[in-house]
N, C-alpha and C. Protein backbone atom coordinates (compact mmCIF):
# COMPACT_ATOMS: atom_id res chain seq x y z
N MET A 1 -48.79 50.93 119.05
CA MET A 1 -48.98 51.07 117.63
C MET A 1 -47.82 51.80 116.97
N ARG A 2 -47.29 52.81 117.71
CA ARG A 2 -46.17 53.56 117.15
C ARG A 2 -44.94 52.68 116.99
N THR A 3 -44.77 51.74 117.90
CA THR A 3 -43.62 50.84 117.80
C THR A 3 -43.72 49.98 116.55
N VAL A 4 -44.91 49.50 116.26
CA VAL A 4 -45.11 48.67 115.06
C VAL A 4 -44.83 49.49 113.81
N LEU A 5 -45.30 50.74 113.77
CA LEU A 5 -45.03 51.60 112.62
C LEU A 5 -43.54 51.85 112.45
N ARG A 6 -42.84 52.09 113.56
CA ARG A 6 -41.40 52.32 113.47
C ARG A 6 -40.66 51.08 113.01
N ILE A 7 -41.07 49.90 113.50
CA ILE A 7 -40.40 48.66 113.10
C ILE A 7 -40.61 48.40 111.61
N ILE A 8 -41.86 48.52 111.15
CA ILE A 8 -42.14 48.29 109.73
C ILE A 8 -41.41 49.34 108.87
N GLY A 9 -41.43 50.58 109.30
CA GLY A 9 -40.72 51.63 108.57
C GLY A 9 -39.22 51.39 108.50
N THR A 10 -38.65 50.92 109.60
CA THR A 10 -37.22 50.63 109.63
C THR A 10 -36.88 49.48 108.69
N TRP A 11 -37.70 48.44 108.67
CA TRP A 11 -37.46 47.32 107.76
C TRP A 11 -37.57 47.76 106.31
N LEU A 12 -38.55 48.59 106.00
CA LEU A 12 -38.70 49.07 104.62
C LEU A 12 -37.52 49.96 104.22
N ILE A 13 -37.06 50.80 105.12
CA ILE A 13 -35.90 51.64 104.83
C ILE A 13 -34.67 50.78 104.62
N GLY A 14 -34.51 49.74 105.44
CA GLY A 14 -33.38 48.82 105.28
C GLY A 14 -33.42 48.11 103.94
N LEU A 15 -34.60 47.65 103.54
CA LEU A 15 -34.75 46.99 102.24
C LEU A 15 -34.46 47.96 101.10
N ALA A 16 -34.90 49.21 101.25
CA ALA A 16 -34.63 50.22 100.22
C ALA A 16 -33.13 50.48 100.11
N LEU A 17 -32.43 50.50 101.24
CA LEU A 17 -30.98 50.69 101.18
C LEU A 17 -30.28 49.52 100.52
N VAL A 18 -30.75 48.30 100.77
CA VAL A 18 -30.18 47.13 100.10
C VAL A 18 -30.39 47.23 98.60
N LEU A 19 -31.60 47.62 98.19
CA LEU A 19 -31.88 47.78 96.76
C LEU A 19 -31.04 48.90 96.15
N LEU A 20 -30.80 49.96 96.91
CA LEU A 20 -29.97 51.06 96.43
C LEU A 20 -28.51 50.61 96.27
N VAL A 21 -28.02 49.79 97.18
CA VAL A 21 -26.65 49.27 97.07
C VAL A 21 -26.53 48.35 95.86
N ILE A 22 -27.55 47.54 95.62
CA ILE A 22 -27.54 46.66 94.44
C ILE A 22 -27.50 47.50 93.16
N ASP A 23 -28.32 48.55 93.10
CA ASP A 23 -28.31 49.43 91.93
C ASP A 23 -26.97 50.16 91.80
N GLY A 24 -26.39 50.55 92.92
CA GLY A 24 -25.09 51.21 92.88
C GLY A 24 -24.00 50.29 92.37
N THR A 25 -24.05 49.03 92.78
CA THR A 25 -23.07 48.05 92.29
C THR A 25 -23.23 47.82 90.80
N LYS A 26 -24.47 47.71 90.35
CA LYS A 26 -24.71 47.55 88.91
C LYS A 26 -24.26 48.79 88.14
N SER A 27 -24.43 49.96 88.72
CA SER A 27 -24.01 51.19 88.06
C SER A 27 -22.50 51.26 87.94
N LEU A 28 -21.79 50.83 88.98
CA LEU A 28 -20.33 50.82 88.90
C LEU A 28 -19.83 49.84 87.86
N ALA A 29 -20.48 48.71 87.75
CA ALA A 29 -20.06 47.70 86.77
C ALA A 29 -20.36 48.15 85.35
N ALA A 30 -21.42 48.90 85.15
CA ALA A 30 -21.82 49.31 83.81
C ALA A 30 -21.26 50.67 83.40
N ASN A 31 -20.62 51.38 84.30
CA ASN A 31 -20.14 52.74 84.05
C ASN A 31 -21.26 53.67 83.61
N ALA A 32 -22.45 53.43 84.10
CA ALA A 32 -23.61 54.27 83.82
C ALA A 32 -24.58 54.12 84.98
N ILE A 33 -25.50 55.05 85.10
CA ILE A 33 -26.48 54.96 86.18
C ILE A 33 -27.51 53.90 85.83
N VAL A 34 -27.65 52.93 86.70
CA VAL A 34 -28.61 51.84 86.51
C VAL A 34 -29.57 51.86 87.69
N MET A 35 -30.85 51.98 87.39
CA MET A 35 -31.88 51.92 88.43
C MET A 35 -32.87 50.84 88.06
N THR A 36 -32.97 49.83 88.90
CA THR A 36 -33.89 48.73 88.66
C THR A 36 -35.30 49.18 89.01
N SER A 37 -36.21 49.04 88.07
CA SER A 37 -37.59 49.42 88.35
C SER A 37 -38.25 48.37 89.24
N LEU A 38 -39.33 48.76 89.85
CA LEU A 38 -40.05 47.83 90.72
C LEU A 38 -40.56 46.65 89.92
N GLY A 39 -41.01 46.88 88.70
CA GLY A 39 -41.51 45.80 87.86
C GLY A 39 -40.43 44.80 87.51
N ASP A 40 -39.22 45.28 87.19
CA ASP A 40 -38.12 44.37 86.87
C ASP A 40 -37.71 43.54 88.09
N GLY A 41 -37.62 44.19 89.23
CA GLY A 41 -37.26 43.47 90.45
C GLY A 41 -38.31 42.46 90.86
N TRP A 42 -39.56 42.85 90.75
CA TRP A 42 -40.66 41.96 91.11
C TRP A 42 -40.71 40.77 90.17
N THR A 43 -40.50 41.02 88.88
CA THR A 43 -40.51 39.93 87.90
C THR A 43 -39.34 38.97 88.15
N ALA A 44 -38.21 39.50 88.57
CA ALA A 44 -37.06 38.63 88.85
C ALA A 44 -37.30 37.76 90.07
N ILE A 45 -38.04 38.26 91.05
CA ILE A 45 -38.27 37.49 92.28
C ILE A 45 -39.40 36.49 92.10
N HIS A 46 -40.55 36.95 91.61
CA HIS A 46 -41.72 36.06 91.48
C HIS A 46 -42.59 36.55 90.34
N PRO A 47 -42.37 36.06 89.12
CA PRO A 47 -43.09 36.61 87.96
C PRO A 47 -44.59 36.36 87.95
N GLY A 48 -45.05 35.28 88.54
CA GLY A 48 -46.48 34.98 88.51
C GLY A 48 -47.32 35.90 89.37
N SER A 49 -46.73 36.42 90.44
CA SER A 49 -47.52 37.23 91.36
C SER A 49 -47.85 38.60 90.79
N ILE A 50 -47.01 39.13 89.94
CA ILE A 50 -47.30 40.44 89.35
C ILE A 50 -48.52 40.36 88.43
N GLU A 51 -48.66 39.23 87.76
CA GLU A 51 -49.84 39.03 86.91
C GLU A 51 -51.09 38.83 87.77
N ALA A 52 -50.93 38.17 88.91
CA ALA A 52 -52.07 37.98 89.81
C ALA A 52 -52.55 39.31 90.39
N VAL A 53 -51.62 40.18 90.74
CA VAL A 53 -51.99 41.49 91.26
C VAL A 53 -52.67 42.32 90.17
N SER A 54 -52.17 42.24 88.96
CA SER A 54 -52.82 42.95 87.84
C SER A 54 -54.23 42.44 87.60
N ALA A 55 -54.41 41.12 87.69
CA ALA A 55 -55.75 40.55 87.52
C ALA A 55 -56.67 40.97 88.67
N PHE A 56 -56.12 41.05 89.88
CA PHE A 56 -56.91 41.49 91.03
C PHE A 56 -57.38 42.93 90.84
N PHE A 57 -56.48 43.81 90.40
CA PHE A 57 -56.85 45.20 90.19
C PHE A 57 -57.85 45.36 89.05
N SER A 58 -57.76 44.50 88.04
CA SER A 58 -58.68 44.63 86.91
C SER A 58 -60.10 44.20 87.26
N SER A 59 -60.26 43.49 88.38
CA SER A 59 -61.60 43.05 88.78
C SER A 59 -62.25 43.99 89.80
N ARG A 60 -61.61 45.09 90.13
CA ARG A 60 -62.13 46.03 91.12
C ARG A 60 -62.99 47.10 90.46
N LEU A 61 -63.57 47.95 91.29
CA LEU A 61 -64.51 48.97 90.82
C LEU A 61 -63.84 49.97 89.87
N PHE A 62 -62.75 50.55 90.27
CA PHE A 62 -62.03 51.52 89.44
C PHE A 62 -60.88 50.82 88.73
N ALA A 63 -61.20 49.86 87.89
CA ALA A 63 -60.18 49.00 87.27
C ALA A 63 -59.22 49.79 86.39
N ASP A 64 -59.72 50.71 85.60
CA ASP A 64 -58.85 51.47 84.71
C ASP A 64 -57.88 52.36 85.49
N LEU A 65 -58.39 53.02 86.52
CA LEU A 65 -57.55 53.87 87.34
C LEU A 65 -56.50 53.05 88.08
N LEU A 66 -56.92 51.95 88.69
CA LEU A 66 -55.98 51.10 89.42
C LEU A 66 -54.93 50.50 88.49
N ALA A 67 -55.33 50.10 87.30
CA ALA A 67 -54.38 49.51 86.35
C ALA A 67 -53.35 50.54 85.91
N SER A 68 -53.78 51.76 85.66
CA SER A 68 -52.82 52.79 85.24
C SER A 68 -51.90 53.19 86.39
N LEU A 69 -52.43 53.28 87.61
CA LEU A 69 -51.58 53.59 88.77
C LEU A 69 -50.57 52.48 89.03
N PHE A 70 -51.02 51.23 88.91
CA PHE A 70 -50.14 50.09 89.13
C PHE A 70 -49.06 50.03 88.05
N ALA A 71 -49.44 50.30 86.81
CA ALA A 71 -48.46 50.28 85.71
C ALA A 71 -47.42 51.39 85.89
N SER A 72 -47.85 52.56 86.33
CA SER A 72 -46.88 53.64 86.54
C SER A 72 -46.01 53.38 87.76
N LEU A 73 -46.56 52.75 88.79
CA LEU A 73 -45.78 52.41 89.98
C LEU A 73 -44.69 51.41 89.65
N LEU A 74 -44.95 50.51 88.74
CA LEU A 74 -43.96 49.50 88.36
C LEU A 74 -42.79 50.08 87.59
N THR A 75 -42.92 51.30 87.07
CA THR A 75 -41.82 51.91 86.32
C THR A 75 -40.87 52.70 87.20
N TYR A 76 -41.25 53.02 88.43
CA TYR A 76 -40.39 53.78 89.33
C TYR A 76 -39.28 52.90 89.89
N PRO A 77 -38.16 53.51 90.32
CA PRO A 77 -37.08 52.71 90.91
C PRO A 77 -37.56 52.00 92.17
N ALA A 78 -37.10 50.76 92.33
CA ALA A 78 -37.58 49.93 93.43
C ALA A 78 -37.20 50.52 94.79
N PHE A 79 -35.99 51.09 94.89
CA PHE A 79 -35.59 51.63 96.19
C PHE A 79 -36.46 52.81 96.60
N ALA A 80 -36.95 53.59 95.64
CA ALA A 80 -37.81 54.73 95.97
C ALA A 80 -39.21 54.27 96.36
N VAL A 81 -39.72 53.26 95.65
CA VAL A 81 -41.08 52.77 95.94
C VAL A 81 -41.12 52.12 97.31
N ILE A 82 -40.04 51.47 97.72
CA ILE A 82 -39.98 50.83 99.04
C ILE A 82 -39.58 51.85 100.11
N GLY A 83 -38.68 52.76 99.79
CA GLY A 83 -38.14 53.68 100.78
C GLY A 83 -39.08 54.78 101.21
N VAL A 84 -39.85 55.32 100.30
CA VAL A 84 -40.75 56.43 100.65
C VAL A 84 -41.82 56.00 101.67
N PRO A 85 -42.51 54.87 101.46
CA PRO A 85 -43.44 54.43 102.52
C PRO A 85 -42.73 54.10 103.83
N GLY A 86 -41.49 53.61 103.74
CA GLY A 86 -40.73 53.34 104.95
C GLY A 86 -40.45 54.60 105.74
N ILE A 87 -40.07 55.66 105.05
CA ILE A 87 -39.81 56.93 105.72
C ILE A 87 -41.10 57.49 106.32
N VAL A 88 -42.19 57.40 105.57
CA VAL A 88 -43.48 57.90 106.07
C VAL A 88 -43.91 57.13 107.32
N LEU A 89 -43.78 55.80 107.29
CA LEU A 89 -44.17 55.00 108.46
C LEU A 89 -43.26 55.29 109.65
N ALA A 90 -41.97 55.46 109.40
CA ALA A 90 -41.05 55.78 110.50
C ALA A 90 -41.38 57.14 111.11
N LEU A 91 -41.75 58.10 110.28
CA LEU A 91 -42.13 59.42 110.80
C LEU A 91 -43.46 59.37 111.54
N LEU A 92 -44.40 58.57 111.05
CA LEU A 92 -45.68 58.43 111.75
C LEU A 92 -45.51 57.74 113.10
N GLY A 93 -44.50 56.90 113.22
CA GLY A 93 -44.29 56.16 114.46
C GLY A 93 -43.41 56.86 115.47
N ARG A 94 -42.91 58.03 115.14
CA ARG A 94 -42.03 58.70 116.09
C ARG A 94 -42.81 59.26 117.27
N ARG A 95 -42.09 59.58 118.31
CA ARG A 95 -42.73 60.13 119.51
C ARG A 95 -43.15 61.57 119.27
N PRO A 96 -44.19 62.01 119.98
CA PRO A 96 -44.57 63.42 119.87
C PRO A 96 -43.42 64.33 120.32
N ARG A 97 -43.39 65.50 119.78
CA ARG A 97 -42.26 66.41 120.02
C ARG A 97 -42.08 66.74 121.50
N SER A 98 -43.14 66.80 122.25
CA SER A 98 -43.03 67.18 123.66
C SER A 98 -42.38 66.09 124.49
N GLN A 99 -42.34 64.86 124.01
CA GLN A 99 -41.79 63.76 124.80
C GLN A 99 -40.37 63.40 124.40
N ARG A 100 -39.75 64.12 123.51
CA ARG A 100 -38.41 63.77 123.05
C ARG A 100 -37.34 64.15 124.05
N PHE A 101 -37.48 65.27 124.70
CA PHE A 101 -36.46 65.76 125.60
C PHE A 101 -37.03 65.88 127.01
N LEU A 102 -36.16 65.71 127.99
CA LEU A 102 -36.56 65.88 129.38
C LEU A 102 -36.50 67.36 129.75
N ARG A 103 -37.43 67.75 130.60
CA ARG A 103 -37.38 69.10 131.13
C ARG A 103 -36.42 69.11 132.30
N THR A 104 -35.96 70.28 132.66
CA THR A 104 -35.01 70.37 133.77
C THR A 104 -35.66 69.96 135.08
N GLU A 105 -36.98 70.09 135.22
CA GLU A 105 -37.66 69.68 136.44
C GLU A 105 -37.72 68.16 136.56
N GLU A 106 -37.63 67.46 135.43
CA GLU A 106 -37.75 66.00 135.44
C GLU A 106 -36.42 65.31 135.70
N ILE A 107 -35.33 66.04 135.72
CA ILE A 107 -34.01 65.42 135.92
C ILE A 107 -33.77 65.18 137.39
């Protein structure tokens, strides 16, 4: 299970770095800091799915809470929204501290 968490975390961190490089390139071209929000990136890739997810959340029990959380999540930079769960998953998938180093008796 830890291996799966590390692999998924690594892929998410890689995707976040790609998104960060894209934002960095746009920032260099514009001579200003440009951060693409998750909503803008998602709309550029597949605009219909963002509406489907909004409709899905509006049909759930806590529709108002989910809609406001989803709307605020879409305003954050895409690299941060993808990177933070990637880092968390990579940390959850790491080995326990006692197994990282060999003891002198084990050499």
